[in-house]
Protein backbone atom coordinates (compact mmCIF):
# COMPACT_ATOMS: atom_id res chain seq x y z
CA MET A 1 75.02 74.26 108.82
CA LYS A 2 73.08 72.47 106.16
CA GLN A 3 73.18 74.14 102.75
CA ILE A 4 70.02 74.05 100.64
CA THR A 5 69.70 74.49 96.88
CA ALA A 6 67.37 77.39 96.08
CA ARG A 7 64.25 76.52 94.11
CA ARG A 8 63.46 80.21 93.57
CA SER A 9 65.19 83.59 94.10
CA TYR A 10 65.78 84.79 97.63
CA THR A 11 67.34 87.90 99.15
CA CYS A 12 70.16 87.41 101.66
CA ASP A 13 69.11 88.81 105.03
CA LYS A 14 72.62 89.91 105.95
CA CYS A 15 74.19 91.42 102.78
CA LYS A 16 70.91 92.07 100.87
CA GLY A 17 72.37 90.26 97.83
CA THR A 18 70.33 88.03 95.56
CA ILE A 19 70.43 84.24 95.90
CA GLU A 20 69.58 82.95 92.44
CA LYS A 21 67.68 79.75 91.68
CA GLY A 22 70.08 76.79 91.84
CA GLN A 23 72.60 78.43 94.19
CA LYS A 24 73.26 77.15 97.69
CA TYR A 25 72.01 79.04 100.75
CA VAL A 26 71.43 78.51 104.47
CA ARG A 27 68.12 79.00 106.24
CA LYS A 28 68.59 80.54 109.68
CA SER A 29 66.02 81.15 112.39
CA ILE A 30 66.17 84.41 114.37
CA ALA A 31 64.48 84.64 117.78
CA VAL A 32 62.81 87.92 118.73
CA GLN A 33 61.34 88.59 122.17
CA SER A 34 58.29 90.67 121.41
CA THR A 35 55.79 92.55 123.48
CA SER A 36 52.51 94.00 122.40
CA TRP A 37 53.00 97.33 124.15
CA SER A 38 55.67 99.96 124.56
CA ILE A 39 56.66 101.00 128.09
CA ASP A 40 54.33 104.02 128.08
CA ASP A 41 51.31 102.12 126.67
CA ARG A 42 51.30 99.17 129.08
CA PRO A 43 47.92 98.31 130.56
CA LYS A 44 47.35 99.04 134.24
CA ASP A 45 46.21 95.48 135.05
CA GLU A 46 48.21 92.28 134.72
CA ILE A 47 50.00 91.68 131.39
CA PRO A 48 49.04 88.30 129.89
CA ALA A 49 51.72 85.60 129.44
CA TRP A 50 51.27 85.44 125.64
CA ALA A 51 52.50 89.02 125.35
CA TRP A 52 56.05 87.92 126.33
CA GLU A 53 56.39 84.90 124.04
CA THR A 54 59.46 84.54 121.84
CA VAL A 55 58.71 84.72 118.11
CA ARG A 56 60.99 83.07 115.52
CA PHE A 57 61.47 84.28 111.95
CA LYS A 58 63.12 82.22 109.20
CA THR A 59 65.67 84.08 107.10
CA GLU A 60 67.84 83.07 104.17
CA ARG A 61 71.59 83.76 104.07
CA CYS A 62 74.02 83.25 101.21
CA VAL A 63 77.01 80.93 101.67
CA PRO A 64 79.68 83.73 101.64
CA CYS A 65 77.90 85.49 104.56
CA ILE A 66 77.80 82.25 106.58
CA GLU A 67 81.46 81.46 105.87
CA ALA A 68 82.47 84.99 106.96
CA GLN A 69 81.05 84.46 110.46
């Protein structure tokens, strides 16, 4: 994975440590399949297609966490 030099402070998503300015880190994208309703609150008519779209979130991880994988 490509390592990026931090231009500001970040928090590692995995170990919750601090990534200081100037340190290397990796930006990772996490995919989450989301719905707008829980099972009990589903509407009675047809559920629209946009309700089942996959949403991606960008997270930052420090180099030791990536090397430990």
